Amino acid sequence: MVAETEMQAPERTIAEEQEELISEFAFFDDWMDRYQYLIDLGRKLPPLDEAFQRDEFKLKGCQSQVWLVGERHGERLVFKAISDAAIVSGLIAIILRIYSNRTAEEILATEPDFIREVGLEEHLSPTRKNGLGAMLSKIKAEARAASGG
């Protein structure tokens, strides 16, 4: 991880961000609309520098190709990621929204309740659930490493 200058804290707490995300998904009545929303979120991901699109940053456990990198900016961990699959890109977008630009302590103290609350647990295929789990595991591992644990 790269040490850099302190970044500004997010406007919302991690819990508030989860609540906001849950509210956004509750707006949609059916899962086709929720999937479309996920795809739209994924389309807004910033591109990932090609230097990070190498095997060392590629996640294992994802059927789609997913590259995830964490960098340290002062006390905060900033994650960047990209996928070659539309729905997975949307999953990345919501994971980064919740966990990126947070302290290691915030990340480690926050369970991904939004997954169950939004309904992703029931509506994702087993391979996408595995990929989501791999992303969360990587983020938690980076946070443990940053906190010295």
Protein backbone atom coordinates (compact mmCIF):
# COMPACT_ATOMS: atom_id res chain seq x y z
CA MET A 1 0.00 0.00 0.00
CA VAL A 2 1.14 3.50 -0.78
CA ALA A 3 1.37 6.11 1.98
CA GLU A 4 0.08 9.49 0.91
CA THR A 5 -1.28 12.69 2.39
CA GLU A 6 -4.40 12.70 4.53
CA MET A 7 -7.64 12.64 2.56
CA GLN A 8 -10.78 14.41 3.63
CA ALA A 9 -13.20 12.22 5.56
CA PRO A 10 -16.42 11.20 3.79
CA GLU A 11 -19.49 13.33 4.50
CA ARG A 12 -21.45 10.34 5.83
CA THR A 13 -20.46 7.77 8.39
CA ILE A 14 -20.13 4.22 7.16
CA ALA A 15 -23.45 3.35 8.88
CA GLU A 16 -25.20 6.32 7.24
CA GLU A 17 -23.81 5.28 3.86
CA GLN A 18 -25.20 1.75 4.32
CA GLU A 19 -28.62 3.16 5.28
CA GLU A 20 -28.62 5.45 2.23
CA LEU A 21 -27.77 2.54 -0.05
CA ILE A 22 -30.52 0.39 1.47
CA SER A 23 -33.01 3.24 0.94
CA GLU A 24 -31.97 3.63 -2.69
CA PHE A 25 -32.54 -0.06 -3.42
CA ALA A 26 -35.88 -0.03 -1.54
CA PHE A 27 -37.12 2.48 -4.12
CA PHE A 28 -37.21 -0.30 -6.75
CA ASP A 29 -40.06 -2.79 -6.58
CA ASP A 30 -38.64 -5.62 -8.63
CA TRP A 31 -35.26 -7.21 -9.06
CA MET A 32 -34.89 -6.41 -12.74
CA ASP A 33 -34.93 -2.71 -11.78
CA ARG A 34 -32.44 -3.36 -8.97
CA TYR A 35 -30.11 -5.20 -11.35
CA GLN A 36 -30.36 -2.29 -13.79
CA TYR A 37 -29.51 0.11 -10.97
CA LEU A 38 -26.47 -2.04 -10.09
CA ILE A 39 -25.36 -1.97 -13.73
CA ASP A 40 -25.80 1.81 -13.84
CA LEU A 41 -23.69 2.21 -10.69
CA GLY A 42 -20.99 0.02 -12.22
CA ARG A 43 -20.88 2.15 -15.37
CA LYS A 44 -19.92 5.13 -13.22
CA LEU A 45 -16.79 3.47 -11.82
CA PRO A 46 -13.67 5.41 -12.72
CA PRO A 47 -11.24 3.54 -14.95
CA LEU A 48 -8.49 1.61 -13.19
CA ASP A 49 -4.95 2.41 -14.23
CA GLU A 50 -3.59 -0.37 -16.43
CA ALA A 51 -0.64 -0.71 -14.04
CA PHE A 52 -3.09 -2.32 -11.59
CA GLN A 53 -4.68 -4.65 -14.14
CA ARG A 54 -2.12 -7.36 -13.53
CA ASP A 55 -2.35 -10.80 -11.93
CA GLU A 56 -1.05 -9.58 -8.57
CA PHE A 57 -4.16 -7.38 -8.19
CA LYS A 58 -6.61 -9.85 -9.70
CA LEU A 59 -8.99 -11.39 -7.17
CA LYS A 60 -9.22 -15.13 -6.80
CA GLY A 61 -12.71 -16.55 -6.28
CA CYS A 62 -14.43 -14.37 -8.86
CA GLN A 63 -15.78 -15.91 -12.03
CA SER A 64 -15.48 -12.52 -13.73
CA GLN A 65 -12.19 -10.72 -13.91
CA VAL A 66 -11.87 -8.32 -10.98
CA TRP A 67 -8.86 -6.21 -10.12
CA LEU A 68 -8.81 -4.58 -6.68
CA VAL A 69 -6.11 -2.41 -5.20
CA GLY A 70 -5.91 -0.66 -1.85
CA GLU A 71 -3.79 2.38 -1.11
CA ARG A 72 -3.13 4.10 2.17
CA HIS A 73 -3.83 7.82 2.29
CA GLY A 74 -2.86 8.93 5.77
CA GLU A 75 -5.20 7.11 8.14
CA ARG A 76 -7.61 6.12 5.37
CA LEU A 77 -7.66 3.20 2.98
CA VAL A 78 -8.75 3.99 -0.55
CA PHE A 79 -9.80 1.15 -2.81
CA LYS A 80 -10.00 1.12 -6.57
CA ALA A 81 -11.39 -1.73 -8.60
CA ILE A 82 -12.78 -2.71 -11.96
CA SER A 83 -14.39 -5.75 -13.54
CA ASP A 84 -15.15 -6.98 -17.02
CA ALA A 85 -18.76 -7.82 -16.02
CA ALA A 86 -21.61 -5.31 -15.69
CA ILE A 87 -23.33 -6.59 -12.53
CA VAL A 88 -20.00 -7.29 -10.83
CA SER A 89 -18.95 -3.71 -11.62
CA GLY A 90 -22.10 -2.58 -9.82
CA LEU A 91 -21.21 -4.73 -6.82
CA ILE A 92 -17.76 -3.12 -6.83
CA ALA A 93 -19.35 0.33 -6.90
CA ILE A 94 -21.42 -0.35 -3.78
CA ILE A 95 -18.54 -2.04 -1.93
CA LEU A 96 -16.26 0.93 -2.66
CA ARG A 97 -19.00 3.35 -1.65
CA ILE A 98 -19.24 1.71 1.76
CA TYR A 99 -15.61 0.82 2.48
CA SER A 100 -13.31 3.09 0.47
CA ASN A 101 -11.80 6.21 2.07
CA ARG A 102 -12.38 4.81 5.57
CA THR A 103 -10.01 4.06 8.41
CA ALA A 104 -8.94 0.47 8.99
CA GLU A 105 -10.85 0.52 12.29
CA GLU A 106 -14.08 1.63 10.57
CA ILE A 107 -13.72 -1.08 7.94
CA LEU A 108 -13.04 -3.83 10.46
CA ALA A 109 -15.90 -2.72 12.72
CA THR A 110 -18.48 -2.69 9.90
CA GLU A 111 -20.29 -5.80 8.80
CA PRO A 112 -21.76 -5.65 5.30
CA ASP A 113 -25.37 -5.57 6.52
CA PHE A 114 -26.45 -3.87 3.30
CA ILE A 115 -25.97 -7.15 1.40
CA ARG A 116 -28.79 -8.82 3.31
CA GLU A 117 -30.91 -5.66 3.64
CA VAL A 118 -30.81 -4.90 -0.08
CA GLY A 119 -31.59 -8.53 -0.92
CA LEU A 120 -28.33 -9.36 -2.67
CA GLU A 121 -27.90 -12.50 -0.57
CA GLU A 122 -31.03 -14.06 -2.10
CA HIS A 123 -30.80 -12.67 -5.62
CA LEU A 124 -27.18 -13.13 -6.62
CA SER A 125 -25.98 -16.29 -8.30
CA PRO A 126 -23.60 -18.47 -6.25
CA THR A 127 -20.63 -17.38 -8.38
CA ARG A 128 -21.43 -13.68 -7.88
CA LYS A 129 -21.86 -14.27 -4.14
CA ASN A 130 -18.41 -15.90 -4.10
CA GLY A 131 -16.97 -12.92 -5.94
CA LEU A 132 -18.63 -10.48 -3.55
CA GLY A 133 -17.21 -12.47 -0.64
CA ALA A 134 -13.74 -12.38 -2.21
CA MET A 135 -13.93 -8.58 -2.56
CA LEU A 136 -15.03 -8.14 1.05
CA SER A 137 -12.32 -10.53 2.28
CA LYS A 138 -9.63 -8.60 0.41
CA ILE A 139 -10.83 -5.26 1.81
CA LYS A 140 -10.95 -6.64 5.37
CA ALA A 141 -7.47 -8.19 4.93
CA GLU A 142 -6.06 -4.85 3.76
CA ALA A 143 -7.67 -3.16 6.79
CA ARG A 144 -6.20 -5.78 9.16
CA ALA A 145 -2.75 -5.28 7.63
CA ALA A 146 -3.06 -1.48 7.93
CA SER A 147 -4.11 -1.73 11.58
CA GLY A 148 -1.20 -4.01 12.39
CA GLY A 149 -3.49 -6.97 13.08
